[in-house]
Amino acid sequence: MNIEHTEINGFQIDKFNQYDLAEGKSQGDCPLCSSDRKPKNQKAKCASYDWDRGLGTCHNCNSSFQLHTYKRKGKAEKVYLKPEPYILQTPGTKVEEWFKNRGISKKTLDDLRINEGPEFMPQTGKTENVIKFNYFMGGELTNIKSRDGRKNFKLHKGA
């Protein structure tokens, strides 16, 4: 990597020319689709390279790609806080009717584990009865989005 190839627009370059393309050329083959093309078309110059911006564009597969990889700015790891698991209670009939009027069945509510319960809402400054949209990843509760009757929303802090 040459000394002038250390950053682009304030982003530190980690690996210059990550696909080993013909450096400095404005056109060449696409690293994303050229290997999948018919043998007679594999070396066709279907991509344009913009080395100053670090971007490439393929005119065959209509994809954009980064010519380089970049170093991460700031802290590498963010720590997320998961909400405390709680017993999911089925929503009441009022909530079921509200969803039914919007074309959403009870089965969908059950499948997505949507429920209701009390939650402090900062917009109103008090505890409200809310609909809770529970987000799961790998069977583990990762976030909860709460919505009250006035369309105020709240996500679990730090999740």
Protein backbone atom coordinates (compact mmCIF):
# COMPACT_ATOMS: atom_id res chain seq x y z
CA MET A 1 0.00 0.00 0.00
CA ASN A 2 1.38 3.37 -1.02
CA ILE A 3 1.59 6.20 1.52
CA GLU A 4 -1.17 8.14 -0.32
CA HIS A 5 -3.52 5.15 0.10
CA THR A 6 -4.05 5.38 3.86
CA GLU A 7 -7.48 7.05 4.07
CA ILE A 8 -10.49 8.11 2.02
CA ASN A 9 -12.85 10.82 3.28
CA GLY A 10 -11.46 10.47 6.81
CA PHE A 11 -11.82 6.67 6.94
CA GLN A 12 -8.62 4.72 7.57
CA ILE A 13 -8.06 2.02 4.95
CA ASP A 14 -7.47 -1.42 6.44
CA LYS A 15 -6.80 -3.34 3.20
CA PHE A 16 -6.21 -1.39 0.02
CA ASN A 17 -7.58 -3.08 -3.15
CA GLN A 18 -9.23 -6.00 -1.36
CA TYR A 19 -10.03 -7.83 -4.63
CA ASP A 20 -6.52 -7.42 -6.18
CA LEU A 21 -7.91 -5.51 -9.16
CA ALA A 22 -5.73 -3.72 -11.71
CA GLU A 23 -4.77 -0.69 -9.60
CA GLY A 24 -5.36 2.69 -11.21
CA LYS A 25 -7.48 1.30 -14.08
CA SER A 26 -10.92 2.81 -14.51
CA GLN A 27 -12.51 -0.39 -15.84
CA GLY A 28 -12.14 -4.11 -15.36
CA ASP A 29 -13.92 -7.27 -14.33
CA CYS A 30 -16.44 -7.41 -11.47
CA PRO A 31 -15.25 -9.33 -8.39
CA LEU A 32 -18.87 -10.19 -7.57
CA CYS A 33 -20.20 -11.68 -10.81
CA SER A 34 -17.37 -12.30 -13.29
CA SER A 35 -16.56 -15.77 -11.93
CA ASP A 36 -20.21 -16.85 -12.39
CA ARG A 37 -20.39 -15.78 -16.02
CA LYS A 38 -19.85 -17.96 -19.09
CA PRO A 39 -16.13 -18.61 -19.76
CA LYS A 40 -16.11 -16.38 -22.85
CA ASN A 41 -17.52 -13.47 -20.78
CA GLN A 42 -15.52 -13.93 -17.56
CA LYS A 43 -12.83 -11.44 -18.57
CA ALA A 44 -15.27 -8.89 -20.02
CA LYS A 45 -14.73 -5.42 -18.56
CA CYS A 46 -18.14 -4.97 -16.96
CA ALA A 47 -17.17 -2.82 -13.95
CA SER A 48 -16.07 0.77 -13.43
CA TYR A 49 -13.66 1.64 -10.62
CA ASP A 50 -13.46 4.97 -8.79
CA TRP A 51 -10.18 4.75 -6.87
CA ASP A 52 -10.55 8.25 -5.36
CA ARG A 53 -13.83 7.31 -3.67
CA GLY A 54 -12.95 3.62 -3.18
CA LEU A 55 -16.04 2.34 -4.99
CA GLY A 56 -16.75 0.06 -7.91
CA THR A 57 -19.90 -0.36 -9.98
CA CYS A 58 -20.78 -3.38 -12.12
CA HIS A 59 -22.81 -2.74 -15.25
CA ASN A 60 -23.63 -6.45 -15.61
CA CYS A 61 -25.04 -7.36 -12.17
CA ASN A 62 -25.92 -3.73 -11.22
CA SER A 63 -24.01 -3.99 -7.93
CA SER A 64 -21.82 -1.51 -6.11
CA PHE A 65 -18.83 -2.72 -4.13
CA GLN A 66 -16.07 -1.27 -1.98
CA LEU A 67 -12.59 -1.49 -3.43
CA HIS A 68 -11.02 -1.42 0.04
CA THR A 69 -11.80 -2.46 3.60
CA TYR A 70 -11.78 0.15 6.34
CA LYS A 71 -10.79 0.20 10.00
CA ARG A 72 -13.55 0.60 12.55
CA LYS A 73 -13.80 3.99 14.23
CA GLY A 74 -14.27 4.25 17.96
CA LYS A 75 -14.88 1.35 20.29
CA ALA A 76 -14.99 -2.01 18.56
CA GLU A 77 -17.54 -3.63 20.85
CA LYS A 78 -20.80 -2.14 22.07
CA VAL A 79 -22.42 -3.83 25.05
CA TYR A 80 -26.15 -4.38 24.69
CA LEU A 81 -28.51 -4.88 27.63
CA LYS A 82 -31.21 -7.50 27.23
CA PRO A 83 -34.54 -7.00 28.96
CA GLU A 84 -35.28 -9.25 31.92
CA PRO A 85 -37.29 -12.29 30.81
CA TYR A 86 -40.88 -12.20 32.04
CA ILE A 87 -43.94 -14.42 31.82
CA LEU A 88 -45.72 -13.65 28.56
CA GLN A 89 -49.44 -13.24 29.14
CA THR A 90 -51.87 -13.45 26.27
CA PRO A 91 -53.37 -10.09 25.29
CA GLY A 92 -56.87 -9.23 26.50
CA THR A 93 -59.93 -9.17 24.29
CA LYS A 94 -59.71 -5.39 23.81
CA VAL A 95 -56.21 -5.74 22.31
CA GLU A 96 -57.30 -8.75 20.23
CA GLU A 97 -60.21 -6.71 18.82
CA TRP A 98 -57.88 -3.78 18.05
CA PHE A 99 -55.60 -6.09 16.04
CA LYS A 100 -58.58 -7.90 14.43
CA ASN A 101 -59.85 -4.56 13.08
CA ARG A 102 -56.46 -4.19 11.40
CA GLY A 103 -56.61 -7.66 9.81
CA ILE A 104 -54.24 -9.32 12.31
CA SER A 105 -55.46 -12.63 13.74
CA LYS A 106 -55.10 -14.04 17.25
CA LYS A 107 -52.89 -16.78 15.78
CA THR A 108 -50.48 -14.13 14.48
CA LEU A 109 -50.40 -12.47 17.91
CA ASP A 110 -49.63 -15.85 19.49
CA ASP A 111 -46.98 -16.74 16.87
CA LEU A 112 -45.21 -13.39 17.35
CA ARG A 113 -45.66 -13.56 21.15
CA ILE A 114 -47.30 -10.14 21.33
CA ASN A 115 -48.81 -9.36 24.72
CA GLU A 116 -49.88 -6.48 26.92
CA GLY A 117 -49.00 -5.17 30.33
CA PRO A 118 -48.04 -2.13 32.40
CA GLU A 119 -45.01 -0.06 31.36
CA PHE A 120 -43.74 3.38 32.36
CA MET A 121 -44.01 5.64 29.32
CA PRO A 122 -41.74 8.72 29.39
CA GLN A 123 -44.02 10.64 27.00
CA THR A 124 -46.89 10.62 29.51
CA GLY A 125 -44.77 10.40 32.66
CA LYS A 126 -46.76 7.52 34.12
CA THR A 127 -47.32 3.78 33.91
CA GLU A 128 -49.67 2.89 31.06
CA ASN A 129 -51.19 -0.34 29.82
CA VAL A 130 -49.29 -1.04 26.60
CA ILE A 131 -49.03 -3.56 23.80
CA LYS A 132 -45.64 -5.28 23.99
CA PHE A 133 -43.93 -6.39 20.80
CA ASN A 134 -41.28 -8.89 21.94
CA TYR A 135 -38.17 -9.44 19.82
CA PHE A 136 -36.44 -12.81 20.07
CA MET A 137 -33.14 -14.04 18.66
CA GLY A 138 -32.30 -17.70 19.03
CA GLY A 139 -35.23 -18.13 21.42
CA GLU A 140 -33.87 -15.42 23.74
CA LEU A 141 -35.69 -12.14 24.45
CA THR A 142 -33.50 -9.34 23.02
CA ASN A 143 -35.79 -6.30 22.96
CA ILE A 144 -39.33 -5.11 23.73
CA LYS A 145 -41.16 -2.35 21.87
CA SER A 146 -44.08 -0.91 23.82
CA ARG A 147 -46.99 1.08 22.37
CA ASP A 148 -49.70 2.81 24.36
CA GLY A 149 -53.17 3.88 23.18
CA ARG A 150 -51.91 7.35 22.16
CA LYS A 151 -49.32 5.94 19.73
CA ASN A 152 -46.41 6.60 22.08
CA PHE A 153 -43.59 4.10 21.57
CA LYS A 154 -40.71 2.98 23.73
CA LEU A 155 -37.88 0.46 23.24
CA HIS A 156 -36.06 -1.25 26.08
CA LYS A 157 -33.11 0.99 27.00
CA GLY A 158 -29.73 -0.27 25.78
CA ALA A 159 -31.07 -3.29 23.90
